Amino acid sequence: MSRAPDIYGLDPAARQLLQLDTFRNKFVVNEFVQGLSAANIASTALRSGNDALDPKPYIRTKHTALTKLRDLRADVVREGKEIDAEVKTAEGQFSRRNSQLEDTFREINSTFTGLQNRISEVGKAAITIGE
């Protein structure tokens, strides 16, 4: 899926927040939102002469972040599906291998039982000869 080019780029700190590692371990929403807005807050502080707050940079940042978060979510879902498929394949291989080992074990057990019966017959024949 192709998207329109991002004309309102995020600052490097905000881009860093929009990585999968950000959402692993301990994730705090307030810290995330503050991190996304940090550059906008700093820019607003520099223009302290203007009393009116310009919401456009904040909206652009949030919109761009939301787009990137949707892309990240799609990547995670895709990777999850790939992992599920790999797990199903591995489970199938495990099941087949387990079945093969079970068949082999039954053959060995049958062979051992047959050998044990022959040894028992030989032992009985030896006792009969000995009497």
N, C-alpha and C. Protein backbone atom coordinates (compact mmCIF):
# COMPACT_ATOMS: atom_id res chain seq x y z
N MET A 1 0.85 -1.16 0.00
CA MET A 1 0.00 0.00 0.00
C MET A 1 0.90 1.22 0.00
N SER A 2 0.75 2.08 -0.99
CA SER A 2 1.58 3.28 -1.06
C SER A 2 0.84 4.45 -0.43
N ARG A 3 1.60 5.29 0.22
CA ARG A 3 1.03 6.46 0.88
C ARG A 3 1.62 7.71 0.27
N ALA A 4 0.96 8.81 0.52
CA ALA A 4 1.47 10.09 0.04
C ALA A 4 2.76 10.39 0.77
N PRO A 5 3.68 11.12 0.16
CA PRO A 5 4.93 11.45 0.82
C PRO A 5 4.66 12.28 2.07
N ASP A 6 5.51 12.09 3.07
CA ASP A 6 5.38 12.79 4.34
C ASP A 6 6.03 14.16 4.23
N ILE A 7 5.18 15.20 4.04
CA ILE A 7 5.74 16.54 3.86
C ILE A 7 6.07 17.19 5.20
N TYR A 8 5.49 16.67 6.27
CA TYR A 8 5.77 17.20 7.60
C TYR A 8 6.57 16.14 8.36
N GLY A 9 7.86 16.16 8.18
CA GLY A 9 8.70 15.16 8.82
C GLY A 9 8.74 15.33 10.32
N LEU A 10 8.94 14.24 10.99
CA LEU A 10 9.07 14.26 12.45
C LEU A 10 10.51 14.57 12.82
N ASP A 11 10.67 15.15 14.00
CA ASP A 11 12.03 15.38 14.48
C ASP A 11 12.65 14.03 14.86
N PRO A 12 13.98 13.94 14.92
CA PRO A 12 14.63 12.65 15.19
C PRO A 12 14.19 11.98 16.50
N ALA A 13 13.95 12.76 17.54
CA ALA A 13 13.53 12.16 18.82
C ALA A 13 12.15 11.51 18.68
N ALA A 14 11.25 12.17 17.97
CA ALA A 14 9.92 11.59 17.76
C ALA A 14 10.00 10.36 16.87
N ARG A 15 10.85 10.41 15.84
CA ARG A 15 11.04 9.24 14.97
C ARG A 15 11.57 8.05 15.76
N GLN A 16 12.46 8.35 16.71
CA GLN A 16 13.03 7.29 17.55
C GLN A 16 11.94 6.63 18.41
N LEU A 17 10.96 7.42 18.83
CA LEU A 17 9.87 6.87 19.64
C LEU A 17 8.97 5.93 18.84
N LEU A 18 8.94 6.11 17.54
CA LEU A 18 8.05 5.32 16.70
C LEU A 18 8.74 4.07 16.18
N GLN A 19 9.44 3.41 17.08
CA GLN A 19 10.10 2.14 16.79
C GLN A 19 9.45 1.06 17.65
N LEU A 20 9.53 -0.17 17.20
CA LEU A 20 8.92 -1.28 17.93
C LEU A 20 9.49 -1.42 19.34
N ASP A 21 10.78 -1.11 19.51
CA ASP A 21 11.40 -1.23 20.83
C ASP A 21 10.75 -0.33 21.87
N THR A 22 10.15 0.77 21.44
CA THR A 22 9.49 1.69 22.36
C THR A 22 8.34 1.00 23.08
N PHE A 23 7.69 0.07 22.42
CA PHE A 23 6.48 -0.55 22.96
C PHE A 23 6.76 -1.86 23.68
N ARG A 24 7.99 -2.27 23.70
CA ARG A 24 8.38 -3.45 24.47
C ARG A 24 8.67 -3.01 25.89
N ASN A 25 8.67 -3.95 26.78
CA ASN A 25 8.94 -3.68 28.19
C ASN A 25 7.92 -2.72 28.77
N LYS A 26 8.39 -1.67 29.44
CA LYS A 26 7.49 -0.75 30.13
C LYS A 26 7.14 0.43 29.21
N PHE A 27 5.88 0.54 28.85
CA PHE A 27 5.41 1.61 27.97
C PHE A 27 4.47 2.51 28.76
N VAL A 28 4.77 3.81 28.76
CA VAL A 28 3.94 4.78 29.46
C VAL A 28 3.40 5.77 28.42
N VAL A 29 2.09 5.83 28.30
CA VAL A 29 1.45 6.65 27.27
C VAL A 29 1.80 8.12 27.43
N ASN A 30 1.76 8.64 28.67
CA ASN A 30 2.04 10.07 28.88
C ASN A 30 3.45 10.43 28.42
N GLU A 31 4.40 9.57 28.73
CA GLU A 31 5.79 9.83 28.30
C GLU A 31 5.90 9.78 26.78
N PHE A 32 5.18 8.87 26.17
CA PHE A 32 5.19 8.75 24.71
C PHE A 32 4.64 10.02 24.06
N VAL A 33 3.50 10.48 24.53
CA VAL A 33 2.88 11.69 23.96
C VAL A 33 3.76 12.91 24.21
N GLN A 34 4.34 13.02 25.40
CA GLN A 34 5.24 14.13 25.68
C GLN A 34 6.47 14.09 24.78
N GLY A 35 6.99 12.89 24.55
CA GLY A 35 8.15 12.75 23.66
C GLY A 35 7.83 13.17 22.25
N LEU A 36 6.62 12.81 21.77
CA LEU A 36 6.22 13.23 20.42
C LEU A 36 6.08 14.74 20.32
N SER A 37 5.63 15.36 21.40
CA SER A 37 5.37 16.80 21.39
C SER A 37 6.56 17.64 21.82
N ALA A 38 7.64 17.04 22.24
CA ALA A 38 8.77 17.78 22.80
C ALA A 38 9.30 18.86 21.85
N ALA A 39 9.48 18.51 20.59
CA ALA A 39 10.00 19.50 19.62
C ALA A 39 9.01 20.64 19.43
N ASN A 40 7.72 20.32 19.41
CA ASN A 40 6.70 21.36 19.26
C ASN A 40 6.68 22.27 20.48
N ILE A 41 6.82 21.68 21.64
CA ILE A 41 6.82 22.48 22.88
C ILE A 41 8.03 23.41 22.89
N ALA A 42 9.18 22.87 22.49
CA ALA A 42 10.40 23.69 22.45
C ALA A 42 10.24 24.83 21.44
N SER A 43 9.66 24.52 20.30
CA SER A 43 9.44 25.54 19.28
C SER A 43 8.48 26.62 19.77
N THR A 44 7.46 26.21 20.47
CA THR A 44 6.49 27.17 21.03
C THR A 44 7.16 28.04 22.08
N ALA A 45 8.04 27.45 22.88
CA ALA A 45 8.74 28.22 23.92
C ALA A 45 9.66 29.27 23.30
N LEU A 46 10.27 28.95 22.16
CA LEU A 46 11.15 29.90 21.49
C LEU A 46 10.37 31.10 20.96
N ARG A 47 9.13 30.87 20.57
CA ARG A 47 8.30 31.94 20.05
C ARG A 47 7.41 32.49 21.17
N SER A 48 7.98 32.73 22.31
CA SER A 48 7.20 33.14 23.48
C SER A 48 6.55 34.51 23.30
N GLY A 49 6.99 35.29 22.33
CA GLY A 49 6.40 36.60 22.08
C GLY A 49 4.98 36.49 21.56
N ASN A 50 4.67 35.40 20.90
CA ASN A 50 3.33 35.18 20.36
C ASN A 50 2.51 34.45 21.42
N ASP A 51 1.47 35.07 21.92
CA ASP A 51 0.66 34.48 22.99
C ASP A 51 -0.27 33.38 22.51
N ALA A 52 -0.65 33.39 21.27
CA ALA A 52 -1.59 32.39 20.75
C ALA A 52 -0.84 31.10 20.43
N LEU A 53 -1.42 30.01 20.84
CA LEU A 53 -0.84 28.69 20.57
C LEU A 53 -1.24 28.26 19.17
N ASP A 54 -0.27 27.90 18.36
CA ASP A 54 -0.55 27.42 17.01
C ASP A 54 -0.68 25.89 17.08
N PRO A 55 -1.88 25.35 16.90
CA PRO A 55 -2.07 23.91 17.04
C PRO A 55 -1.60 23.11 15.83
N LYS A 56 -1.34 23.75 14.71
CA LYS A 56 -1.01 23.03 13.48
C LYS A 56 0.20 22.11 13.63
N PRO A 57 1.33 22.57 14.21
CA PRO A 57 2.46 21.65 14.34
C PRO A 57 2.14 20.42 15.20
N TYR A 58 1.36 20.63 16.23
CA TYR A 58 0.96 19.51 17.09
C TYR A 58 0.09 18.52 16.33
N ILE A 59 -0.86 19.06 15.58
CA ILE A 59 -1.76 18.21 14.79
C ILE A 59 -0.97 17.45 13.74
N ARG A 60 -0.06 18.13 13.06
CA ARG A 60 0.76 17.47 12.03
C ARG A 60 1.60 16.36 12.64
N THR A 61 2.20 16.65 13.79
CA THR A 61 3.02 15.64 14.46
C THR A 61 2.19 14.43 14.84
N LYS A 62 1.03 14.68 15.43
CA LYS A 62 0.16 13.56 15.85
C LYS A 62 -0.34 12.78 14.63
N HIS A 63 -0.68 13.49 13.57
CA HIS A 63 -1.17 12.82 12.37
C HIS A 63 -0.08 11.94 11.76
N THR A 64 1.12 12.49 11.64
CA THR A 64 2.24 11.71 11.10
C THR A 64 2.56 10.52 11.99
N ALA A 65 2.55 10.76 13.31
CA ALA A 65 2.82 9.67 14.25
C ALA A 65 1.75 8.58 14.13
N LEU A 66 0.51 8.98 14.01
CA LEU A 66 -0.58 8.01 13.86
C LEU A 66 -0.41 7.17 12.60
N THR A 67 -0.03 7.81 11.52
CA THR A 67 0.22 7.08 10.27
C THR A 67 1.35 6.08 10.45
N LYS A 68 2.42 6.51 11.09
CA LYS A 68 3.55 5.61 11.31
C LYS A 68 3.18 4.48 12.28
N LEU A 69 2.37 4.78 13.26
CA LEU A 69 1.91 3.74 14.20
C LEU A 69 1.02 2.72 13.50
N ARG A 70 0.20 3.17 12.57
CA ARG A 70 -0.63 2.22 11.80
C ARG A 70 0.26 1.31 10.95
N ASP A 71 1.29 1.90 10.34
CA ASP A 71 2.24 1.09 9.56
C ASP A 71 2.94 0.08 10.45
N LEU A 72 3.34 0.52 11.62
CA LEU A 72 4.02 -0.36 12.57
C LEU A 72 3.08 -1.49 13.00
N ARG A 73 1.83 -1.15 13.27
CA ARG A 73 0.86 -2.18 13.64
C ARG A 73 0.67 -3.19 12.52
N ALA A 74 0.60 -2.71 11.29
CA ALA A 74 0.45 -3.62 10.14
C ALA A 74 1.66 -4.54 10.04
N ASP A 75 2.85 -3.99 10.27
CA ASP A 75 4.07 -4.82 10.25
C ASP A 75 4.03 -5.89 11.34
N VAL A 76 3.58 -5.50 12.53
CA VAL A 76 3.52 -6.45 13.65
C VAL A 76 2.49 -7.54 13.35
N VAL A 77 1.35 -7.16 12.80
CA VAL A 77 0.33 -8.15 12.46
C VAL A 77 0.86 -9.11 11.40
N ARG A 78 1.53 -8.55 10.38
CA ARG A 78 2.09 -9.40 9.32
C ARG A 78 3.13 -10.36 9.89
N GLU A 79 4.02 -9.84 10.73
CA GLU A 79 5.04 -10.70 11.34
C GLU A 79 4.39 -11.76 12.23
N GLY A 80 3.33 -11.39 12.93
CA GLY A 80 2.61 -12.36 13.76
C GLY A 80 2.03 -13.49 12.93
N LYS A 81 1.46 -13.13 11.78
CA LYS A 81 0.91 -14.16 10.89
C LYS A 81 2.00 -15.06 10.35
N GLU A 82 3.15 -14.47 10.01
CA GLU A 82 4.27 -15.27 9.52
C GLU A 82 4.76 -16.23 10.61
N ILE A 83 4.84 -15.73 11.83
CA ILE A 83 5.28 -16.57 12.95
C ILE A 83 4.27 -17.68 13.19
N ASP A 84 2.96 -17.36 13.12
CA ASP A 84 1.93 -18.38 13.28
C ASP A 84 2.08 -19.47 12.22
N ALA A 85 2.34 -19.06 10.99
CA ALA A 85 2.52 -20.04 9.91
C ALA A 85 3.75 -20.90 10.17
N GLU A 86 4.83 -20.29 10.63
CA GLU A 86 6.04 -21.05 10.95
C GLU A 86 5.79 -22.02 12.09
N VAL A 87 5.03 -21.60 13.09
CA VAL A 87 4.71 -22.47 14.22
C VAL A 87 3.89 -23.66 13.75
N LYS A 88 2.89 -23.40 12.89
CA LYS A 88 2.07 -24.50 12.38
C LYS A 88 2.91 -25.48 11.58
N THR A 89 3.84 -24.96 10.78
CA THR A 89 4.73 -25.83 10.02
C THR A 89 5.60 -26.66 10.96
N ALA A 90 6.15 -26.01 11.98
CA ALA A 90 7.00 -26.72 12.95
C ALA A 90 6.19 -27.76 13.72
N GLU A 91 4.96 -27.43 14.08
CA GLU A 91 4.11 -28.39 14.78
C GLU A 91 3.82 -29.60 13.90
N GLY A 92 3.57 -29.35 12.62
CA GLY A 92 3.33 -30.45 11.68
C GLY A 92 4.54 -31.34 11.55
N GLN A 93 5.72 -30.74 11.43
CA GLN A 93 6.96 -31.51 11.35
C GLN A 93 7.18 -32.31 12.63
N PHE A 94 6.91 -31.67 13.78
CA PHE A 94 7.07 -32.35 15.06
C PHE A 94 6.12 -33.54 15.15
N SER A 95 4.88 -33.33 14.73
CA SER A 95 3.89 -34.40 14.79
C SER A 95 4.29 -35.57 13.89
N ARG A 96 4.75 -35.26 12.67
CA ARG A 96 5.19 -36.32 11.76
C ARG A 96 6.40 -37.06 12.33
N ARG A 97 7.35 -36.32 12.86
CA ARG A 97 8.56 -36.95 13.43
C ARG A 97 8.20 -37.78 14.65
N ASN A 98 7.29 -37.28 15.46
CA ASN A 98 6.87 -38.01 16.63
C ASN A 98 6.17 -39.31 16.23
N SER A 99 5.35 -39.25 15.19
CA SER A 99 4.66 -40.44 14.67
C SER A 99 5.67 -41.45 14.14
N GLN A 100 6.69 -40.96 13.41
CA GLN A 100 7.73 -41.85 12.89
C GLN A 100 8.48 -42.53 14.04
N LEU A 101 8.81 -41.75 15.06
CA LEU A 101 9.52 -42.31 16.21
C LEU A 101 8.65 -43.33 16.94
N GLU A 102 7.37 -43.06 17.03
CA GLU A 102 6.45 -43.99 17.68
C GLU A 102 6.40 -45.31 16.90
N ASP A 103 6.32 -45.22 15.56
CA ASP A 103 6.31 -46.42 14.72
C ASP A 103 7.61 -47.20 14.88
N THR A 104 8.72 -46.48 14.91
CA THR A 104 10.03 -47.12 15.09
C THR A 104 10.10 -47.81 16.45
N PHE A 105 9.61 -47.15 17.47
CA PHE A 105 9.61 -47.74 18.81
C PHE A 105 8.77 -49.01 18.84
N ARG A 106 7.59 -48.98 18.19
CA ARG A 106 6.75 -50.19 18.15
C ARG A 106 7.45 -51.33 17.43
N GLU A 107 8.15 -51.01 16.34
CA GLU A 107 8.89 -52.05 15.61
C GLU A 107 9.99 -52.64 16.49
N ILE A 108 10.71 -51.79 17.18
CA ILE A 108 11.79 -52.26 18.07
C ILE A 108 11.19 -53.10 19.20
N ASN A 109 10.09 -52.66 19.75
CA ASN A 109 9.45 -53.40 20.83
C ASN A 109 8.96 -54.75 20.33
N SER A 110 8.39 -54.78 19.12
CA SER A 110 7.93 -56.04 18.54
C SER A 110 9.11 -56.99 18.30
N THR A 111 10.19 -56.45 17.78
CA THR A 111 11.39 -57.25 17.54
C THR A 111 11.94 -57.79 18.86
N PHE A 112 11.97 -56.95 19.87
CA PHE A 112 12.47 -57.37 21.19
C PHE A 112 11.57 -58.46 21.78
N THR A 113 10.26 -58.29 21.64
CA THR A 113 9.33 -59.30 22.16
C THR A 113 9.53 -60.62 21.43
N GLY A 114 9.69 -60.57 20.10
CA GLY A 114 9.95 -61.79 19.33
C GLY A 114 11.25 -62.44 19.76
N LEU A 115 12.29 -61.64 19.97
CA LEU A 115 13.58 -62.18 20.41
C LEU A 115 13.46 -62.80 21.80
N GLN A 116 12.71 -62.13 22.66
CA GLN A 116 12.51 -62.65 24.01
C GLN A 116 11.76 -63.98 23.97
N ASN A 117 10.76 -64.10 23.10
CA ASN A 117 10.01 -65.36 22.96
C ASN A 117 10.91 -66.47 22.44
N ARG A 118 11.79 -66.17 21.48
CA ARG A 118 12.72 -67.19 20.96
C ARG A 118 13.69 -67.66 22.04
N ILE A 119 14.20 -66.70 22.80
CA ILE A 119 15.13 -67.06 23.87
C ILE A 119 14.41 -67.94 24.90
N SER A 120 13.17 -67.60 25.18
CA SER A 120 12.39 -68.40 26.12
C SER A 120 12.20 -69.82 25.59
N GLU A 121 11.90 -69.93 24.27
CA GLU A 121 11.73 -71.26 23.65
C GLU A 121 13.03 -72.05 23.69
N VAL A 122 14.15 -71.39 23.41
CA VAL A 122 15.45 -72.06 23.45
C VAL A 122 15.74 -72.52 24.88
N GLY A 123 15.39 -71.67 25.85
CA GLY A 123 15.60 -72.05 27.25
C GLY A 123 14.77 -73.25 27.63
N LYS A 124 13.51 -73.31 27.15
CA LYS A 124 12.66 -74.46 27.45
C LYS A 124 13.19 -75.71 26.78
N ALA A 125 13.68 -75.55 25.53
CA ALA A 125 14.24 -76.69 24.82
C ALA A 125 15.49 -77.19 25.53
N ALA A 126 16.31 -76.29 26.05
CA ALA A 126 17.52 -76.68 26.75
C ALA A 126 17.16 -77.41 28.04
N ILE A 127 16.11 -77.00 28.70
CA ILE A 127 15.69 -77.68 29.94
C ILE A 127 15.18 -79.06 29.62
N THR A 128 14.42 -79.17 28.51
CA THR A 128 13.87 -80.46 28.11
C THR A 128 15.01 -81.41 27.76
N ILE A 129 16.01 -80.90 27.05
CA ILE A 129 17.16 -81.74 26.68
C ILE A 129 17.94 -82.16 27.93
N GLY A 130 18.02 -81.24 28.85
CA GLY A 130 18.77 -81.51 30.08
C GLY A 130 18.10 -82.54 30.98
N GLU A 131 16.80 -82.68 30.88
CA GLU A 131 16.10 -83.63 31.75
C GLU A 131 16.27 -85.00 31.20
